[in-house]
C-alpha atoms as a PDB file:
ATOM      1  CA  MET A   1      15.040 -21.761 -26.162  1.00  0.00           C
ATOM      2  CA  ALA A   2      14.918 -19.871 -22.706  1.00  0.00           C
ATOM      3  CA  GLN A   3      11.706 -20.337 -20.762  1.00  0.00           C
ATOM      4  CA  ASP A   4      12.385 -18.545 -18.259  1.00  0.00           C
ATOM      5  CA  VAL A   5      14.503 -14.938 -18.702  1.00  0.00           C
ATOM      6  CA  LEU A   6      15.928 -13.052 -14.913  1.00  0.00           C
ATOM      7  CA  CYS A   7      16.473  -9.059 -14.716  1.00  0.00           C
ATOM      8  CA  GLU A   8      16.921  -8.052 -11.430  1.00  0.00           C
ATOM      9  CA  VAL A   9      16.714  -4.036 -13.215  1.00  0.00           C
ATOM     10  CA  ASN A  10      13.089  -3.243 -10.658  1.00  0.00           C
ATOM     11  CA  ASN A  11      13.011  -0.123 -12.912  1.00  0.00           C
ATOM     12  CA  CYS A  12      12.294  -2.045 -16.393  1.00  0.00           C
ATOM     13  CA  THR A  13       8.949  -1.701 -17.831  1.00  0.00           C
ATOM     14  CA  TYR A  14       9.009  -5.840 -18.268  1.00  0.00           C
ATOM     15  CA  TRP A  15      10.668  -6.136 -15.107  1.00  0.00           C
ATOM     16  CA  LYS A  16       7.741  -8.559 -12.880  1.00  0.00           C
ATOM     17  CA  LYS A  17       8.288 -10.167  -9.898  1.00  0.00           C
ATOM     18  CA  GLY A  18      10.618 -12.958  -8.375  1.00  0.00           C
ATOM     19  CA  ASN A  19      12.982 -10.805 -10.961  1.00  0.00           C
ATOM     20  CA  HIS A  20      11.028 -12.358 -14.220  1.00  0.00           C
ATOM     21  CA  CYS A  21      11.202 -10.879 -17.605  1.00  0.00           C
ATOM     22  CA  GLY A  22       7.989  -9.835 -19.074  1.00  0.00           C
ATOM     23  CA  ALA A  23       9.018  -9.015 -22.443  1.00  0.00           C
ATOM     24  CA  ASP A  24       7.559 -10.976 -25.740  1.00  0.00           C
ATOM     25  CA  GLN A  25      11.018 -10.856 -26.713  1.00  0.00           C
ATOM     26  CA  ILE A  26      14.757 -10.279 -25.677  1.00  0.00           C
ATOM     27  CA  TYR A  27      17.477  -7.817 -27.441  1.00  0.00           C
ATOM     28  CA  VAL A  28      20.499  -8.371 -26.721  1.00  0.00           C
ATOM     29  CA  VAL A  29      24.119  -6.431 -28.474  1.00  0.00           C
ATOM     30  CA  SER A  30      27.507  -6.592 -27.888  1.00  0.00           C
ATOM     31  CA  HIS A  31      29.975  -3.272 -27.578  1.00  0.00           C
ATOM     32  CA  LYS A  32      32.834  -5.247 -29.627  1.00  0.00           C
ATOM     33  CA  GLY A  33      30.579  -6.618 -33.094  1.00  0.00           C
ATOM     34  CA  ASP A  34      29.679  -9.951 -33.497  1.00  0.00           C
ATOM     35  CA  ARG A  35      31.513 -10.681 -30.261  1.00  0.00           C
ATOM     36  CA  ALA A  36      31.582 -10.651 -26.570  1.00  0.00           C
ATOM     37  CA  LYS A  37      34.302 -11.848 -24.388  1.00  0.00           C
ATOM     38  CA  ASN A  38      32.111 -11.712 -21.106  1.00  0.00           C
ATOM     39  CA  SER A  39      28.401 -10.352 -20.175  1.00  0.00           C
ATOM     40  CA  TYR A  40      30.594  -6.677 -19.034  1.00  0.00           C
ATOM     41  CA  GLU A  41      30.581  -6.382 -23.078  1.00  0.00           C
ATOM     42  CA  THR A  42      27.102  -7.141 -23.287  1.00  0.00           C
ATOM     43  CA  ASP A  43      24.137  -4.750 -23.288  1.00  0.00           C
ATOM     44  CA  CYS A  44      20.094  -5.634 -23.329  1.00  0.00           C
ATOM     45  CA  LYS A  45      18.221  -2.966 -26.228  1.00  0.00           C
ATOM     46  CA  THR A  46      15.226  -3.807 -24.685  1.00  0.00           C
ATOM     47  CA  PHE A  47      15.198  -2.178 -21.318  1.00  0.00           C
ATOM     48  CA  GLU A  48      12.307   0.501 -21.152  1.00  0.00           C
ATOM     49  CA  ALA A  49      12.400   2.768 -17.893  1.00  0.00           C
ATOM     50  CA  GLN A  50       9.321   2.641 -16.437  1.00  0.00           C
ATOM     51  CA  GLU A  51       7.805   5.726 -15.782  1.00  0.00           C
END
């Protein structure tokens, strides 16, 4: 299991200094059913915009 999740979306609530993700869990989905061919076919559903 990943110990260090990186994220460059600095307007996310879970973004931490050094481009680290501070979320307890990460939820990633595919645009193409249960399989993706590359990262462009996926989305991070954990994302929450900062206010």
